[in-house]
Amino acid sequence: MPHQPAPPQIVLPPITDPTVHATLDRLAHRYVRAGGLGMDILAYVGGSAETLLARLPGPVRDRLDDTVRAALHGALAAAGTVAPPRGGFADGVNRAVVSAIGAAGGAVGIAGAMAELPVTITVLLRTILGIAAEHGLDPADPATRAEALRVFASAGPMADDDGTDLGLLAARLTVTGHSLQALIARIAPRLAAVIGQKLAAQSAPVLGAVAGASINYSFTRYYQQMARVHFGLLRLADETGLPREVLIEALQSRIRALEARKRARRA
């Protein structure tokens, strides 16, 4: 078999603009701080993410992927009929709305939590699209909606993360109906794992409605922060002309350094 030459290495250009470094620093701190409240709630409930997932009834675990995929399809369709909110005050409004939904679901237990799931995902997607609008993108554009879906690929507020999920940002695609379906299929299993943790924590005995409201608040805050990192990075690439891959690599490096410091403080 003939020797195959190694693929040429891609040499990414250095970032020399200090304002770009300052923006990346702000985005990295936002990324690392985003999941703090969720981790506190998880610690309060008691147990790791894996332990929480194990608490879910078997039938719920079995149909979670399909439920989340259907919820994402429904949320994407609903996003086309209602203008997403823009900026500032909308953040607090959406956290309050999703918290109220979580309280209602948590009061009824796992059945209520499953029933509120599609509504929660729809409100979250509308919130993310509102943040896209803040960054100068058109929420009605299918490409913007694809980017909003990608925000759900982040690890989730109940997981420690080193920024590796930002790799999904580098995958460019021509946005068609088929590619959006493929994107949902790719994202749904990740989101289902995160949602499973949420459902299990939300249905924990005693906590009930309070847990439902608190966890939904945490999820909304988390995805708002992830959306600002995501769209902030896209806008930075557009404004500077730097390749997205260069900015992602630089941001990941900063996130890993911040996570390492956080782990050292905990130790």
Protein backbone atom coordinates (compact mmCIF):
# COMPACT_ATOMS: atom_id res chain seq x y z
CA MET A 1 0.00 0.00 0.00
CA PRO A 2 1.55 3.34 -1.05
CA HIS A 3 2.49 5.76 1.67
CA GLN A 4 -0.14 8.45 2.15
CA PRO A 5 1.31 11.92 2.77
CA ALA A 6 0.22 13.57 6.01
CA PRO A 7 -2.36 16.32 5.55
CA PRO A 8 -0.78 19.78 5.66
CA GLN A 9 -0.92 21.48 9.05
CA ILE A 10 -3.11 24.54 9.24
CA VAL A 11 -1.14 27.43 10.74
CA LEU A 12 -3.56 29.83 12.40
CA PRO A 13 -2.57 33.50 12.31
CA PRO A 14 -1.67 35.14 15.66
CA ILE A 15 -4.00 37.66 17.30
CA THR A 16 -2.16 40.95 17.70
CA ASP A 17 -4.99 43.40 18.40
CA PRO A 18 -5.22 44.13 22.18
CA THR A 19 -8.93 44.95 21.90
CA VAL A 20 -9.57 41.44 20.53
CA HIS A 21 -7.66 39.95 23.49
CA ALA A 22 -9.73 42.06 25.89
CA THR A 23 -13.00 40.91 24.27
CA LEU A 24 -11.91 37.26 24.42
CA ASP A 25 -11.04 37.68 28.11
CA ARG A 26 -14.55 39.03 28.80
CA LEU A 27 -16.18 36.18 26.87
CA ALA A 28 -14.07 33.57 28.69
CA HIS A 29 -15.05 34.94 32.11
CA ARG A 30 -18.70 35.00 31.05
CA TYR A 31 -18.47 31.38 29.88
CA VAL A 32 -16.89 30.13 33.12
CA ARG A 33 -19.29 32.05 35.38
CA ALA A 34 -22.39 30.95 33.50
CA GLY A 35 -22.94 27.61 35.19
CA GLY A 36 -22.13 28.55 38.78
CA LEU A 37 -25.67 28.64 40.13
CA GLY A 38 -26.57 25.36 38.45
CA MET A 39 -23.64 23.62 40.10
CA ASP A 40 -24.68 25.01 43.50
CA ILE A 41 -28.21 23.67 43.02
CA LEU A 42 -26.88 20.29 41.93
CA ALA A 43 -24.68 20.11 45.02
CA TYR A 44 -27.69 21.02 47.18
CA VAL A 45 -29.85 18.31 45.64
CA GLY A 46 -26.97 15.92 46.32
CA GLY A 47 -25.14 13.73 43.87
CA SER A 48 -23.40 13.92 40.53
CA ALA A 49 -25.03 14.39 37.15
CA GLU A 50 -24.73 10.64 36.55
CA THR A 51 -26.49 9.91 39.84
CA LEU A 52 -29.30 12.27 38.89
CA LEU A 53 -29.78 10.61 35.51
CA ALA A 54 -29.91 7.21 37.20
CA ARG A 55 -32.84 8.45 39.31
CA LEU A 56 -35.04 8.96 36.25
CA PRO A 57 -37.61 6.23 35.61
CA GLY A 58 -36.59 3.91 32.77
CA PRO A 59 -39.47 4.90 30.45
CA VAL A 60 -38.56 8.58 30.85
CA ARG A 61 -34.90 7.95 30.02
CA ASP A 62 -35.90 5.85 27.01
CA ARG A 63 -38.01 8.54 25.40
CA LEU A 64 -36.02 11.59 26.45
CA ASP A 65 -34.07 11.94 23.17
CA ASP A 66 -37.25 11.80 21.10
CA THR A 67 -39.03 14.23 23.43
CA VAL A 68 -36.19 16.76 23.25
CA ARG A 69 -35.92 16.40 19.46
CA ALA A 70 -39.66 17.02 19.08
CA ALA A 71 -39.41 20.00 21.46
CA LEU A 72 -36.58 21.52 19.38
CA HIS A 73 -38.61 21.09 16.18
CA GLY A 74 -41.61 22.71 17.87
CA ALA A 75 -39.51 25.55 19.29
CA LEU A 76 -37.99 26.26 15.87
CA ALA A 77 -41.45 26.37 14.29
CA ALA A 78 -42.78 28.64 17.05
CA ALA A 79 -39.81 30.97 16.64
CA GLY A 80 -41.10 31.81 13.18
CA THR A 81 -44.48 33.00 14.46
CA VAL A 82 -43.48 35.20 17.41
CA ALA A 83 -40.88 37.97 17.37
CA PRO A 84 -38.21 37.19 20.00
CA PRO A 85 -37.59 39.79 22.70
CA ARG A 86 -34.63 42.12 22.38
CA GLY A 87 -32.13 42.94 25.10
CA GLY A 88 -31.98 44.21 28.66
CA PHE A 89 -35.26 43.81 30.47
CA ALA A 90 -36.15 40.74 28.39
CA ASP A 91 -33.50 38.71 30.25
CA GLY A 92 -35.27 39.15 33.58
CA VAL A 93 -38.70 38.63 32.05
CA ASN A 94 -37.68 35.35 30.42
CA ARG A 95 -36.04 34.08 33.60
CA ALA A 96 -39.23 34.87 35.51
CA VAL A 97 -41.42 33.15 32.90
CA VAL A 98 -39.29 30.00 32.77
CA SER A 99 -39.03 29.95 36.59
CA ALA A 100 -42.82 30.07 36.87
CA ILE A 101 -43.12 27.24 34.34
CA GLY A 102 -40.59 25.21 36.33
CA ALA A 103 -42.45 25.84 39.57
CA ALA A 104 -45.67 24.58 38.03
CA GLY A 105 -43.96 21.50 36.64
CA GLY A 106 -42.02 20.79 39.84
CA ALA A 107 -45.18 20.94 41.92
CA VAL A 108 -46.60 17.99 39.98
CA GLY A 109 -43.42 15.89 39.93
CA ILE A 110 -41.82 14.12 36.98
CA ALA A 111 -45.02 14.13 34.89
CA GLY A 112 -45.33 17.89 35.28
CA ALA A 113 -41.63 18.40 34.54
CA MET A 114 -41.97 16.41 31.30
CA ALA A 115 -45.07 18.38 30.32
CA GLU A 116 -43.35 21.76 30.77
CA LEU A 117 -40.24 20.70 28.85
CA PRO A 118 -41.40 21.80 25.33
CA VAL A 119 -42.58 25.16 26.69
CA THR A 120 -39.26 25.74 28.46
CA ILE A 121 -37.24 24.90 25.34
CA THR A 122 -39.41 27.22 23.22
CA VAL A 123 -38.94 30.15 25.62
CA LEU A 124 -35.20 29.46 25.80
CA LEU A 125 -34.88 29.47 22.00
CA ARG A 126 -36.80 32.75 21.77
CA THR A 127 -34.49 34.22 24.42
CA ILE A 128 -31.42 33.09 22.49
CA LEU A 129 -32.81 34.62 19.28
CA GLY A 130 -33.40 37.87 21.16
CA ILE A 131 -29.72 37.90 22.12
CA ALA A 132 -28.79 37.21 18.49
CA ALA A 133 -30.77 40.35 17.60
CA GLU A 134 -28.75 42.29 20.21
CA HIS A 135 -25.64 41.32 18.26
CA GLY A 136 -27.01 42.61 14.97
CA LEU A 137 -28.34 39.33 13.53
CA ASP A 138 -31.77 38.83 12.00
CA PRO A 139 -33.77 36.33 14.11
CA ALA A 140 -35.90 35.49 11.05
CA ASP A 141 -32.83 34.37 9.07
CA PRO A 142 -32.52 30.55 8.98
CA ALA A 143 -28.74 30.92 9.46
CA THR A 144 -29.34 32.84 12.71
CA ARG A 145 -31.76 30.16 13.88
CA ALA A 146 -29.16 27.50 13.15
CA GLU A 147 -26.65 29.40 15.29
CA ALA A 148 -29.28 29.73 18.05
CA LEU A 149 -29.74 25.96 18.01
CA ARG A 150 -25.99 25.49 18.39
CA VAL A 151 -26.10 27.34 21.71
CA PHE A 152 -27.90 24.26 23.08
CA ALA A 153 -24.80 22.18 22.28
CA SER A 154 -22.93 23.68 25.23
CA ALA A 155 -22.40 21.40 28.19
CA GLY A 156 -25.24 22.70 30.37
CA PRO A 157 -25.36 24.47 33.72
CA MET A 158 -24.96 21.28 35.74
CA ALA A 159 -21.60 20.27 34.27
CA ASP A 160 -18.01 21.42 34.62
CA ASP A 161 -16.64 22.18 31.16
CA ASP A 162 -13.34 23.25 29.60
CA GLY A 163 -14.76 24.96 26.56
CA THR A 164 -14.34 22.03 24.15
CA ASP A 165 -18.01 22.30 23.12
CA LEU A 166 -17.13 25.54 21.34
CA GLY A 167 -15.76 23.31 18.59
CA LEU A 168 -19.28 23.08 17.18
CA LEU A 169 -18.99 26.76 16.32
CA ALA A 170 -16.31 25.94 13.77
CA ALA A 171 -18.63 23.72 11.71
CA ARG A 172 -20.00 25.93 8.97
CA LEU A 173 -22.96 24.73 6.96
CA THR A 174 -25.20 25.86 4.14
CA VAL A 175 -28.52 26.37 5.89
CA THR A 176 -31.33 24.40 4.32
CA GLY A 177 -34.34 22.65 5.80
CA HIS A 178 -32.40 19.38 5.66
CA SER A 179 -29.31 20.80 7.37
CA LEU A 180 -31.45 22.25 10.17
CA GLN A 181 -32.97 18.80 10.73
CA ALA A 182 -29.47 17.30 10.80
CA LEU A 183 -28.36 19.97 13.28
CA ILE A 184 -31.30 19.18 15.57
CA ALA A 185 -30.49 15.46 15.35
CA ARG A 186 -26.90 16.21 16.37
CA ILE A 187 -27.80 18.55 19.22
CA ALA A 188 -30.78 16.63 20.68
CA PRO A 189 -28.76 13.87 22.44
CA ARG A 190 -26.52 16.45 24.14
CA LEU A 191 -29.48 18.53 25.25
CA ALA A 192 -31.39 15.41 26.34
CA ALA A 193 -28.57 14.50 28.74
CA VAL A 194 -28.70 17.99 30.24
CA ILE A 195 -32.50 18.02 30.39
CA GLY A 196 -32.43 14.60 32.07
CA GLN A 197 -30.37 16.05 34.92
CA LYS A 198 -32.82 18.92 35.20
CA LEU A 199 -35.84 16.60 35.32
CA ALA A 200 -34.28 14.38 37.97
CA ALA A 201 -33.28 17.30 40.19
CA GLN A 202 -36.65 18.96 39.67
CA SER A 203 -38.53 15.85 40.74
CA ALA A 204 -36.46 15.28 43.90
CA PRO A 205 -38.64 14.74 46.99
CA VAL A 206 -39.35 17.76 49.22
CA LEU A 207 -37.93 20.36 46.82
CA GLY A 208 -40.91 20.33 44.41
CA ALA A 209 -41.96 23.69 43.05
CA VAL A 210 -39.02 25.56 44.61
CA ALA A 211 -36.54 23.25 42.86
CA GLY A 212 -38.45 23.56 39.58
CA ALA A 213 -38.34 27.36 39.69
CA SER A 214 -34.69 27.53 40.81
CA ILE A 215 -33.42 25.02 38.27
CA ASN A 216 -35.33 26.63 35.40
CA TYR A 217 -33.97 30.03 36.45
CA SER A 218 -30.48 28.56 36.38
CA PHE A 219 -30.99 27.01 32.96
CA THR A 220 -32.31 30.27 31.49
CA ARG A 221 -29.44 32.30 32.95
CA TYR A 222 -26.94 29.73 31.67
CA TYR A 223 -28.19 29.71 28.08
CA GLN A 224 -28.46 33.50 28.05
CA GLN A 225 -24.77 33.67 28.98
CA MET A 226 -23.82 30.98 26.44
CA ALA A 227 -25.74 32.86 23.74
CA ARG A 228 -23.77 36.02 24.49
CA VAL A 229 -20.51 34.08 24.25
CA HIS A 230 -21.62 32.40 21.02
CA PHE A 231 -22.90 35.51 19.24
CA GLY A 232 -20.16 37.68 20.71
CA LEU A 233 -17.59 35.40 19.11
CA LEU A 234 -19.43 35.47 15.77
CA ARG A 235 -19.61 39.27 15.81
CA LEU A 236 -15.92 39.49 16.73
CA ALA A 237 -15.04 37.31 13.73
CA ASP A 238 -17.20 39.47 11.48
CA GLU A 239 -15.80 42.78 12.76
CA THR A 240 -12.12 41.79 12.72
CA GLY A 241 -12.02 39.45 9.73
CA LEU A 242 -10.16 36.89 11.87
CA PRO A 243 -11.05 33.25 11.13
CA ARG A 244 -13.59 31.82 13.55
CA GLU A 245 -11.22 28.93 14.27
CA VAL A 246 -8.52 31.34 15.50
CA LEU A 247 -10.90 33.02 17.92
CA ILE A 248 -12.28 29.69 19.17
CA GLU A 249 -8.78 28.37 19.85
CA ALA A 250 -7.86 31.53 21.76
CA LEU A 251 -11.11 31.47 23.73
CA GLN A 252 -10.73 27.78 24.61
CA SER A 253 -7.22 28.44 25.90
CA ARG A 254 -8.51 31.19 28.18
CA ILE A 255 -11.42 29.06 29.41
CA ARG A 256 -9.10 26.17 30.27
CA ALA A 257 -6.81 28.49 32.22
CA LEU A 258 -9.75 29.92 34.18
CA GLU A 259 -11.16 26.44 34.85
CA ALA A 260 -7.74 25.27 36.09
CA ARG A 261 -7.59 28.20 38.51
CA LYS A 262 -11.10 27.43 39.72
CA ARG A 263 -10.21 23.77 40.33
CA ALA A 264 -7.05 24.83 42.19
CA ARG A 265 -9.09 27.12 44.47
CA ARG A 266 -11.54 24.29 45.20
CA ALA A 267 -8.66 21.95 46.03
